[in-house]
Amino acid sequence: MGKHSHMNTSAAIKILHTRLTDEDVERFRDEARMIARLKHRHIVRVLDFGVEDKIPFLVMDHAPNGTLRDRHARGSVLPKALILLYVQQVAAALQYAHDQKIIHRDIKPENILIGSNNEILLSDFGIAVIGESSRDQRKNKYDVAGSIAYMAPEQIQGHPHRNSDQYALGVIVYEWLCGTRPFNGPYLEVAIQHERALPTPLYKRNPSISPDIEQVVMIALAKDPQRRFRSIQAFANALEQACK
C-alpha cells in the first residue's frame, strides 16, 4: 500500500521479485508504457512505473475488496448467474485489451480484483512477461511466463495467442462450475495434461451442468487456439446463451 503525498489517495505498489539488466530495463519500460495505456472500466489503472536499483515496480489503483480467490475459496461451486456476471466483465476487459493487440497471459482468480463498488477489475497485464524479462533464455519448454494451472497449451510451448486468455478463462469457469480445475498435480504433470489430456467432462463432476454449458466450456478449452471461439467476447456471449 502507498499514498500519494499531495493528493492523499491510496495506491498499490507492485514490486517485482527480479533484477533487470540494463537491456531489460528498456524492455520493461516499453511493456509498462503499453500496459499504462489501457483505459477500461474493468482494468486496474497503472498510474506510474519505474526501476529502483534494477528492481522494477508499478504503481496502480488500489482495489479495496481483494480478489475473486479471496471471495471464493478453492473448491467453491458458484451459481451460474454469478459466474456470468464475472465472465461478462472479465471478457469485456480482455476484448478491449485484445483489440489493442495486448494479451494478458496470466488470467487466474488471484488477478481478478474487486473494486469499491463490487465491480470486477482485471489486474497484472503483462506482469508475467515483465517478470520473465530478466531471464537470458528459457531453460526448457515449460519455463514460461504465467500460472501453469490456467495456461493454454500454445502458451506453454512459448507461442501465446489472444485465445490463450480465453483458455485460461475457460479453466476458471470450469473450476467455478464444479469446484475443481480440469487438471491438478505437480507443475510438470499439469503442463503435460494441458498439452495432451482431455478434461474430465463437467457433467461427471457436477450432474446439474447442462450439455449446452458443457459444450461452450469445452470449446474454450480446445487444445488448438483456432478451434476456440473467435474472440473472448464470443465465448462470453455463448456462455450466456447456454445458461438461459
C-alpha atoms as a PDB file:
ATOM      1  CA  MET A   1       0.000   0.000   0.000  1.00  0.00           C
ATOM      2  CA  GLY A   2       1.107   3.544  -0.749  1.00  0.00           C
ATOM      3  CA  LYS A   3      -0.343   7.021  -0.505  1.00  0.00           C
ATOM      4  CA  HIS A   4       0.112   9.937  -2.874  1.00  0.00           C
ATOM      5  CA  SER A   5       1.886  12.613  -0.864  1.00  0.00           C
ATOM      6  CA  HIS A   6      -0.010  15.533  -2.406  1.00  0.00           C
ATOM      7  CA  MET A   7      -3.403  14.074  -3.372  1.00  0.00           C
ATOM      8  CA  ASN A   8      -3.734  11.892  -0.245  1.00  0.00           C
ATOM      9  CA  THR A   9      -5.096   8.997  -2.331  1.00  0.00           C
ATOM     10  CA  SER A  10      -4.233   5.320  -1.865  1.00  0.00           C
ATOM     11  CA  ALA A  11      -2.391   3.221  -4.414  1.00  0.00           C
ATOM     12  CA  ALA A  12      -0.990  -0.276  -4.714  1.00  0.00           C
ATOM     13  CA  ILE A  13       2.732  -0.542  -5.410  1.00  0.00           C
ATOM     14  CA  LYS A  14       3.674  -3.845  -7.001  1.00  0.00           C
ATOM     15  CA  ILE A  15       7.365  -4.693  -6.723  1.00  0.00           C
ATOM     16  CA  LEU A  16       8.526  -7.486  -9.000  1.00  0.00           C
ATOM     17  CA  HIS A  17      10.905 -10.019  -7.499  1.00  0.00           C
ATOM     18  CA  THR A  18      13.533  -9.789 -10.211  1.00  0.00           C
ATOM     19  CA  ARG A  19      16.595  -7.713 -11.080  1.00  0.00           C
ATOM     20  CA  LEU A  20      16.789  -6.350 -14.589  1.00  0.00           C
ATOM     21  CA  THR A  21      19.858  -5.988 -16.761  1.00  0.00           C
ATOM     22  CA  ASP A  22      20.443  -2.637 -18.483  1.00  0.00           C
ATOM     23  CA  GLU A  23      18.956  -4.093 -21.655  1.00  0.00           C
ATOM     24  CA  ASP A  24      15.915  -5.430 -19.790  1.00  0.00           C
ATOM     25  CA  VAL A  25      15.200  -2.036 -18.204  1.00  0.00           C
ATOM     26  CA  GLU A  26      14.187  -0.635 -21.585  1.00  0.00           C
ATOM     27  CA  ARG A  27      12.084  -3.706 -22.329  1.00  0.00           C
ATOM     28  CA  PHE A  28      10.334  -3.248 -19.002  1.00  0.00           C
ATOM     29  CA  ARG A  29       9.656   0.426 -19.700  1.00  0.00           C
ATOM     30  CA  ASP A  30       8.240  -0.383 -23.137  1.00  0.00           C
ATOM     31  CA  GLU A  31       5.972  -3.064 -21.688  1.00  0.00           C
ATOM     32  CA  ALA A  32       4.885  -0.844 -18.788  1.00  0.00           C
ATOM     33  CA  ARG A  33       4.059   2.061 -21.121  1.00  0.00           C
ATOM     34  CA  MET A  34       1.889  -0.257 -23.193  1.00  0.00           C
ATOM     35  CA  ILE A  35       0.045  -1.501 -20.090  1.00  0.00           C
ATOM     36  CA  ALA A  36      -0.386   2.057 -18.786  1.00  0.00           C
ATOM     37  CA  ARG A  37      -2.234   2.977 -21.993  1.00  0.00           C
ATOM     38  CA  LEU A  38      -5.043   0.547 -21.144  1.00  0.00           C
ATOM     39  CA  LYS A  39      -8.054   2.591 -20.044  1.00  0.00           C
ATOM     40  CA  HIS A  40     -11.121   0.475 -19.314  1.00  0.00           C
ATOM     41  CA  ARG A  41     -13.691   0.369 -16.521  1.00  0.00           C
ATOM     42  CA  HIS A  42     -12.789  -3.252 -15.751  1.00  0.00           C
ATOM     43  CA  ILE A  43      -8.995  -2.900 -15.845  1.00  0.00           C
ATOM     44  CA  VAL A  44      -6.901  -1.674 -12.921  1.00  0.00           C
ATOM     45  CA  ARG A  45      -5.185   1.572 -13.951  1.00  0.00           C
ATOM     46  CA  VAL A  46      -1.406   1.795 -13.942  1.00  0.00           C
ATOM     47  CA  LEU A  47      -0.584   5.243 -12.523  1.00  0.00           C
ATOM     48  CA  ASP A  48       3.205   5.135 -12.681  1.00  0.00           C
ATOM     49  CA  PHE A  49       6.156   2.772 -13.048  1.00  0.00           C
ATOM     50  CA  GLY A  50       9.897   2.791 -12.614  1.00  0.00           C
ATOM     51  CA  VAL A  51      13.073   0.890 -11.770  1.00  0.00           C
ATOM     52  CA  GLU A  52      14.935   1.303  -8.478  1.00  0.00           C
ATOM     53  CA  ASP A  53      18.288  -0.452  -8.071  1.00  0.00           C
ATOM     54  CA  LYS A  54      17.440  -2.705 -11.059  1.00  0.00           C
ATOM     55  CA  ILE A  55      14.135  -3.738  -9.412  1.00  0.00           C
ATOM     56  CA  PRO A  56      11.018  -2.842 -11.448  1.00  0.00           C
ATOM     57  CA  PHE A  57       7.803  -1.601  -9.852  1.00  0.00           C
ATOM     58  CA  LEU A  58       4.334  -0.481 -10.903  1.00  0.00           C
ATOM     59  CA  VAL A  59       2.007   1.931  -9.101  1.00  0.00           C
ATOM     60  CA  MET A  60      -1.666   1.040  -9.613  1.00  0.00           C
ATOM     61  CA  ASP A  61      -5.117   1.945  -8.392  1.00  0.00           C
ATOM     62  CA  HIS A  62      -5.952   0.178  -5.149  1.00  0.00           C
ATOM     63  CA  ALA A  63      -8.830  -2.322  -5.318  1.00  0.00           C
ATOM     64  CA  PRO A  64     -10.065  -2.418  -1.703  1.00  0.00           C
ATOM     65  CA  ASN A  65     -12.113  -5.617  -1.718  1.00  0.00           C
ATOM     66  CA  GLY A  66      -9.472  -8.203  -2.543  1.00  0.00           C
ATOM     67  CA  THR A  67      -9.583 -10.813  -5.306  1.00  0.00           C
ATOM     68  CA  LEU A  68     -12.069 -13.382  -6.515  1.00  0.00           C
ATOM     69  CA  ARG A  69      -9.811 -16.013  -4.958  1.00  0.00           C
ATOM     70  CA  ASP A  70     -10.282 -14.267  -1.611  1.00  0.00           C
ATOM     71  CA  ARG A  71     -14.037 -14.123  -2.107  1.00  0.00           C
ATOM     72  CA  HIS A  72     -14.444 -17.692  -3.364  1.00  0.00           C
ATOM     73  CA  ALA A  73     -12.062 -20.211  -1.790  1.00  0.00           C
ATOM     74  CA  ARG A  74     -10.744 -23.194  -3.727  1.00  0.00           C
ATOM     75  CA  GLY A  75     -13.412 -25.841  -4.084  1.00  0.00           C
ATOM     76  CA  SER A  76     -16.294 -23.363  -4.237  1.00  0.00           C
ATOM     77  CA  VAL A  77     -19.117 -24.010  -6.718  1.00  0.00           C
ATOM     78  CA  LEU A  78     -20.673 -20.739  -7.853  1.00  0.00           C
ATOM     79  CA  PRO A  79     -24.218 -20.054  -9.071  1.00  0.00           C
ATOM     80  CA  LYS A  80     -24.403 -19.762 -12.852  1.00  0.00           C
ATOM     81  CA  ALA A  81     -25.803 -16.223 -12.652  1.00  0.00           C
ATOM     82  CA  LEU A  82     -22.786 -15.091 -10.637  1.00  0.00           C
ATOM     83  CA  ILE A  83     -20.359 -16.831 -12.995  1.00  0.00           C
ATOM     84  CA  LEU A  84     -21.966 -14.988 -15.912  1.00  0.00           C
ATOM     85  CA  LEU A  85     -21.674 -11.661 -14.105  1.00  0.00           C
ATOM     86  CA  TYR A  86     -17.963 -12.229 -13.573  1.00  0.00           C
ATOM     87  CA  VAL A  87     -17.281 -13.593 -17.068  1.00  0.00           C
ATOM     88  CA  GLN A  88     -19.046 -10.720 -18.817  1.00  0.00           C
ATOM     89  CA  GLN A  89     -16.874  -8.160 -17.023  1.00  0.00           C
ATOM     90  CA  VAL A  90     -13.606 -10.059 -17.483  1.00  0.00           C
ATOM     91  CA  ALA A  91     -14.409 -10.700 -21.156  1.00  0.00           C
ATOM     92  CA  ALA A  92     -15.160  -7.010 -21.750  1.00  0.00           C
ATOM     93  CA  ALA A  93     -11.762  -6.073 -20.311  1.00  0.00           C
ATOM     94  CA  LEU A  94      -9.932  -8.747 -22.294  1.00  0.00           C
ATOM     95  CA  GLN A  95     -11.719  -7.938 -25.546  1.00  0.00           C
ATOM     96  CA  TYR A  96     -10.646  -4.311 -25.166  1.00  0.00           C
ATOM     97  CA  ALA A  97      -7.037  -5.392 -24.495  1.00  0.00           C
ATOM     98  CA  HIS A  98      -7.042  -7.835 -27.406  1.00  0.00           C
ATOM     99  CA  ASP A  99      -8.295  -5.053 -29.683  1.00  0.00           C
ATOM    100  CA  GLN A 100      -5.186  -3.125 -28.571  1.00  0.00           C
ATOM    101  CA  LYS A 101      -3.038  -6.170 -29.524  1.00  0.00           C
ATOM    102  CA  ILE A 102      -2.284  -6.944 -25.857  1.00  0.00           C
ATOM    103  CA  ILE A 103      -2.521 -10.464 -24.389  1.00  0.00           C
ATOM    104  CA  HIS A 104      -2.846 -10.773 -20.620  1.00  0.00           C
ATOM    105  CA  ARG A 105      -1.098 -14.196 -20.318  1.00  0.00           C
ATOM    106  CA  ASP A 106      -1.906 -14.774 -16.644  1.00  0.00           C
ATOM    107  CA  ILE A 107      -5.675 -14.914 -16.164  1.00  0.00           C
ATOM    108  CA  LYS A 108      -6.500 -16.509 -12.801  1.00  0.00           C
ATOM    109  CA  PRO A 109      -8.805 -15.688  -9.849  1.00  0.00           C
ATOM    110  CA  GLU A 110      -5.891 -14.074  -7.987  1.00  0.00           C
ATOM    111  CA  ASN A 111      -5.583 -11.463 -10.770  1.00  0.00           C
ATOM    112  CA  ILE A 112      -9.301 -10.621 -10.846  1.00  0.00           C
ATOM    113  CA  LEU A 113      -9.850  -7.890  -8.266  1.00  0.00           C
ATOM    114  CA  ILE A 114     -12.973  -6.407  -6.718  1.00  0.00           C
ATOM    115  CA  GLY A 115     -13.409  -2.648  -6.777  1.00  0.00           C
ATOM    116  CA  SER A 116     -15.051  -0.323  -4.288  1.00  0.00           C
ATOM    117  CA  ASN A 117     -18.466  -0.798  -5.953  1.00  0.00           C
ATOM    118  CA  ASN A 118     -18.026  -4.577  -6.247  1.00  0.00           C
ATOM    119  CA  GLU A 119     -17.127  -4.212  -9.900  1.00  0.00           C
ATOM    120  CA  ILE A 120     -14.603  -6.637 -11.411  1.00  0.00           C
ATOM    121  CA  LEU A 121     -11.150  -5.239 -12.178  1.00  0.00           C
ATOM    122  CA  LEU A 122      -8.585  -7.214 -14.149  1.00  0.00           C
ATOM    123  CA  SER A 123      -5.045  -6.710 -12.890  1.00  0.00           C
ATOM    124  CA  ASP A 124      -1.460  -7.602 -13.758  1.00  0.00           C
ATOM    125  CA  PHE A 125      -1.489  -7.208 -17.528  1.00  0.00           C
ATOM    126  CA  GLY A 126       1.966  -8.108 -18.760  1.00  0.00           C
ATOM    127  CA  ILE A 127       3.339  -8.813 -15.287  1.00  0.00           C
ATOM    128  CA  ALA A 128       4.213 -12.405 -16.195  1.00  0.00           C
ATOM    129  CA  VAL A 129       6.176 -11.199 -19.210  1.00  0.00           C
ATOM    130  CA  ILE A 130       7.928  -8.397 -17.300  1.00  0.00           C
ATOM    131  CA  GLY A 131       8.909 -10.833 -14.558  1.00  0.00           C
ATOM    132  CA  GLU A 132      10.386 -13.140 -17.156  1.00  0.00           C
ATOM    133  CA  SER A 133      12.347 -10.402 -18.912  1.00  0.00           C
ATOM    134  CA  SER A 134      15.473 -10.832 -16.774  1.00  0.00           C
ATOM    135  CA  ARG A 135      15.957 -14.429 -17.927  1.00  0.00           C
ATOM    136  CA  ASP A 136      18.571 -14.835 -20.614  1.00  0.00           C
ATOM    137  CA  GLN A 137      16.749 -17.776 -22.144  1.00  0.00           C
ATOM    138  CA  ARG A 138      14.234 -20.444 -21.260  1.00  0.00           C
ATOM    139  CA  LYS A 139      15.821 -23.442 -19.600  1.00  0.00           C
ATOM    140  CA  ASN A 140      13.220 -25.745 -21.124  1.00  0.00           C
ATOM    141  CA  LYS A 141       9.857 -25.576 -22.887  1.00  0.00           C
ATOM    142  CA  TYR A 142       8.000 -25.398 -19.564  1.00  0.00           C
ATOM    143  CA  ASP A 143       9.970 -22.368 -18.303  1.00  0.00           C
ATOM    144  CA  VAL A 144       7.297 -19.858 -19.364  1.00  0.00           C
ATOM    145  CA  ALA A 145       5.533 -16.754 -18.090  1.00  0.00           C
ATOM    146  CA  GLY A 146       2.174 -17.282 -16.404  1.00  0.00           C
ATOM    147  CA  SER A 147       0.446 -19.651 -13.995  1.00  0.00           C
ATOM    148  CA  ILE A 148       0.553 -23.252 -15.157  1.00  0.00           C
ATOM    149  CA  ALA A 149      -2.843 -24.200 -13.666  1.00  0.00           C
ATOM    150  CA  TYR A 150      -4.604 -21.896 -16.155  1.00  0.00           C
ATOM    151  CA  MET A 151      -2.144 -21.916 -19.045  1.00  0.00           C
ATOM    152  CA  ALA A 152      -3.076 -22.774 -22.615  1.00  0.00           C
ATOM    153  CA  PRO A 153      -1.047 -25.411 -24.498  1.00  0.00           C
ATOM    154  CA  GLU A 154       0.316 -22.938 -27.050  1.00  0.00           C
ATOM    155  CA  GLN A 155       1.469 -20.601 -24.273  1.00  0.00           C
ATOM    156  CA  ILE A 156       3.279 -23.497 -22.598  1.00  0.00           C
ATOM    157  CA  GLN A 157       5.015 -24.042 -25.932  1.00  0.00           C
ATOM    158  CA  GLY A 158       6.101 -20.388 -25.994  1.00  0.00           C
ATOM    159  CA  HIS A 159       3.539 -19.145 -28.548  1.00  0.00           C
ATOM    160  CA  PRO A 160       0.891 -17.142 -26.654  1.00  0.00           C
ATOM    161  CA  HIS A 161      -2.200 -16.206 -28.650  1.00  0.00           C
ATOM    162  CA  ARG A 162      -5.090 -13.938 -27.737  1.00  0.00           C
ATOM    163  CA  ASN A 163      -7.170 -17.109 -27.378  1.00  0.00           C
ATOM    164  CA  SER A 164      -4.740 -18.224 -24.669  1.00  0.00           C
ATOM    165  CA  ASP A 165      -6.634 -15.805 -22.411  1.00  0.00           C
ATOM    166  CA  GLN A 166      -9.881 -17.468 -23.472  1.00  0.00           C
ATOM    167  CA  TYR A 167      -8.480 -20.864 -22.481  1.00  0.00           C
ATOM    168  CA  ALA A 168      -7.476 -19.535 -19.053  1.00  0.00           C
ATOM    169  CA  LEU A 169     -10.936 -18.041 -18.514  1.00  0.00           C
ATOM    170  CA  GLY A 170     -12.395 -21.371 -19.606  1.00  0.00           C
ATOM    171  CA  VAL A 171     -10.376 -23.118 -16.889  1.00  0.00           C
ATOM    172  CA  ILE A 172     -11.735 -20.639 -14.323  1.00  0.00           C
ATOM    173  CA  VAL A 173     -15.324 -21.206 -15.478  1.00  0.00           C
ATOM    174  CA  TYR A 174     -14.785 -24.985 -15.305  1.00  0.00           C
ATOM    175  CA  GLU A 175     -13.478 -24.550 -11.756  1.00  0.00           C
ATOM    176  CA  TRP A 176     -16.418 -22.367 -10.699  1.00  0.00           C
ATOM    177  CA  LEU A 177     -18.951 -24.786 -12.178  1.00  0.00           C
ATOM    178  CA  CYS A 178     -17.694 -27.930 -10.447  1.00  0.00           C
ATOM    179  CA  GLY A 179     -15.292 -26.846  -7.684  1.00  0.00           C
ATOM    180  CA  THR A 180     -12.064 -28.156  -9.215  1.00  0.00           C
ATOM    181  CA  ARG A 181      -9.804 -27.283 -12.136  1.00  0.00           C
ATOM    182  CA  PRO A 182      -9.671 -29.649 -15.120  1.00  0.00           C
ATOM    183  CA  PHE A 183      -6.043 -30.565 -14.347  1.00  0.00           C
ATOM    184  CA  ASN A 184      -4.315 -30.800 -10.966  1.00  0.00           C
ATOM    185  CA  GLY A 185      -0.963 -32.034  -9.730  1.00  0.00           C
ATOM    186  CA  PRO A 186       2.731 -31.069  -9.833  1.00  0.00           C
ATOM    187  CA  TYR A 187       3.835 -28.338 -12.247  1.00  0.00           C
ATOM    188  CA  LEU A 188       5.263 -30.583 -14.966  1.00  0.00           C
ATOM    189  CA  GLU A 189       2.360 -33.031 -14.794  1.00  0.00           C
ATOM    190  CA  VAL A 190      -0.209 -30.251 -15.178  1.00  0.00           C
ATOM    191  CA  ALA A 191       1.739 -28.754 -18.100  1.00  0.00           C
ATOM    192  CA  ILE A 192       1.705 -32.086 -19.933  1.00  0.00           C
ATOM    193  CA  GLN A 193      -2.020 -32.546 -19.223  1.00  0.00           C
ATOM    194  CA  HIS A 194      -2.801 -29.141 -20.714  1.00  0.00           C
ATOM    195  CA  GLU A 195      -0.950 -30.186 -23.851  1.00  0.00           C
ATOM    196  CA  ARG A 196      -2.254 -33.739 -24.215  1.00  0.00           C
ATOM    197  CA  ALA A 197      -5.136 -34.721 -21.905  1.00  0.00           C
ATOM    198  CA  LEU A 198      -8.857 -34.101 -22.301  1.00  0.00           C
ATOM    199  CA  PRO A 199     -10.603 -32.561 -19.275  1.00  0.00           C
ATOM    200  CA  THR A 200     -13.000 -34.744 -17.323  1.00  0.00           C
ATOM    201  CA  PRO A 201     -16.483 -33.914 -18.651  1.00  0.00           C
ATOM    202  CA  LEU A 202     -18.170 -31.332 -16.470  1.00  0.00           C
ATOM    203  CA  TYR A 203     -21.355 -33.371 -16.046  1.00  0.00           C
ATOM    204  CA  LYS A 204     -19.322 -36.132 -14.378  1.00  0.00           C
ATOM    205  CA  ARG A 205     -18.178 -33.658 -11.746  1.00  0.00           C
ATOM    206  CA  ASN A 206     -21.465 -31.782 -11.489  1.00  0.00           C
ATOM    207  CA  PRO A 207     -24.507 -33.596 -12.953  1.00  0.00           C
ATOM    208  CA  SER A 208     -26.560 -30.384 -12.918  1.00  0.00           C
ATOM    209  CA  ILE A 209     -24.433 -28.898 -15.735  1.00  0.00           C
ATOM    210  CA  SER A 210     -26.392 -28.830 -18.998  1.00  0.00           C
ATOM    211  CA  PRO A 211     -24.951 -30.182 -22.281  1.00  0.00           C
ATOM    212  CA  ASP A 212     -25.083 -26.655 -23.742  1.00  0.00           C
ATOM    213  CA  ILE A 213     -22.887 -25.213 -20.985  1.00  0.00           C
ATOM    214  CA  GLU A 214     -20.569 -28.223 -21.236  1.00  0.00           C
ATOM    215  CA  GLN A 215     -20.123 -27.666 -24.959  1.00  0.00           C
ATOM    216  CA  VAL A 216     -19.314 -23.962 -24.581  1.00  0.00           C
ATOM    217  CA  VAL A 217     -16.672 -24.571 -21.904  1.00  0.00           C
ATOM    218  CA  MET A 218     -15.075 -27.408 -23.861  1.00  0.00           C
ATOM    219  CA  ILE A 219     -14.777 -25.223 -26.957  1.00  0.00           C
ATOM    220  CA  ALA A 220     -12.928 -22.624 -24.866  1.00  0.00           C
ATOM    221  CA  LEU A 221     -10.654 -25.443 -23.634  1.00  0.00           C
ATOM    222  CA  ALA A 222      -9.800 -26.750 -27.102  1.00  0.00           C
ATOM    223  CA  LYS A 223      -6.091 -27.579 -27.462  1.00  0.00           C
ATOM    224  CA  ASP A 224      -5.862 -25.694 -30.761  1.00  0.00           C
ATOM    225  CA  PRO A 225      -6.481 -21.943 -30.269  1.00  0.00           C
ATOM    226  CA  GLN A 226      -8.081 -21.779 -33.721  1.00  0.00           C
ATOM    227  CA  ARG A 227     -10.782 -24.202 -32.569  1.00  0.00           C
ATOM    228  CA  ARG A 228     -11.847 -21.964 -29.692  1.00  0.00           C
ATOM    229  CA  PHE A 229     -14.348 -19.139 -30.063  1.00  0.00           C
ATOM    230  CA  ARG A 230     -13.201 -16.446 -32.497  1.00  0.00           C
ATOM    231  CA  SER A 231     -12.971 -13.946 -29.636  1.00  0.00           C
ATOM    232  CA  ILE A 232     -13.211 -13.735 -25.856  1.00  0.00           C
ATOM    233  CA  GLN A 233     -16.470 -11.790 -26.209  1.00  0.00           C
ATOM    234  CA  ALA A 234     -17.909 -14.561 -28.397  1.00  0.00           C
ATOM    235  CA  PHE A 235     -17.098 -17.036 -25.603  1.00  0.00           C
ATOM    236  CA  ALA A 236     -18.896 -14.856 -23.033  1.00  0.00           C
ATOM    237  CA  ASN A 237     -21.911 -14.463 -25.325  1.00  0.00           C
ATOM    238  CA  ALA A 238     -22.115 -18.209 -25.973  1.00  0.00           C
ATOM    239  CA  LEU A 239     -21.916 -18.959 -22.259  1.00  0.00           C
ATOM    240  CA  GLU A 240     -24.737 -16.500 -21.584  1.00  0.00           C
ATOM    241  CA  GLN A 241     -26.911 -18.185 -24.220  1.00  0.00           C
ATOM    242  CA  ALA A 242     -26.130 -21.637 -22.845  1.00  0.00           C
ATOM    243  CA  CYS A 243     -27.120 -20.592 -19.334  1.00  0.00           C
ATOM    244  CA  LYS A 244     -30.576 -19.392 -20.386  1.00  0.00           C
END
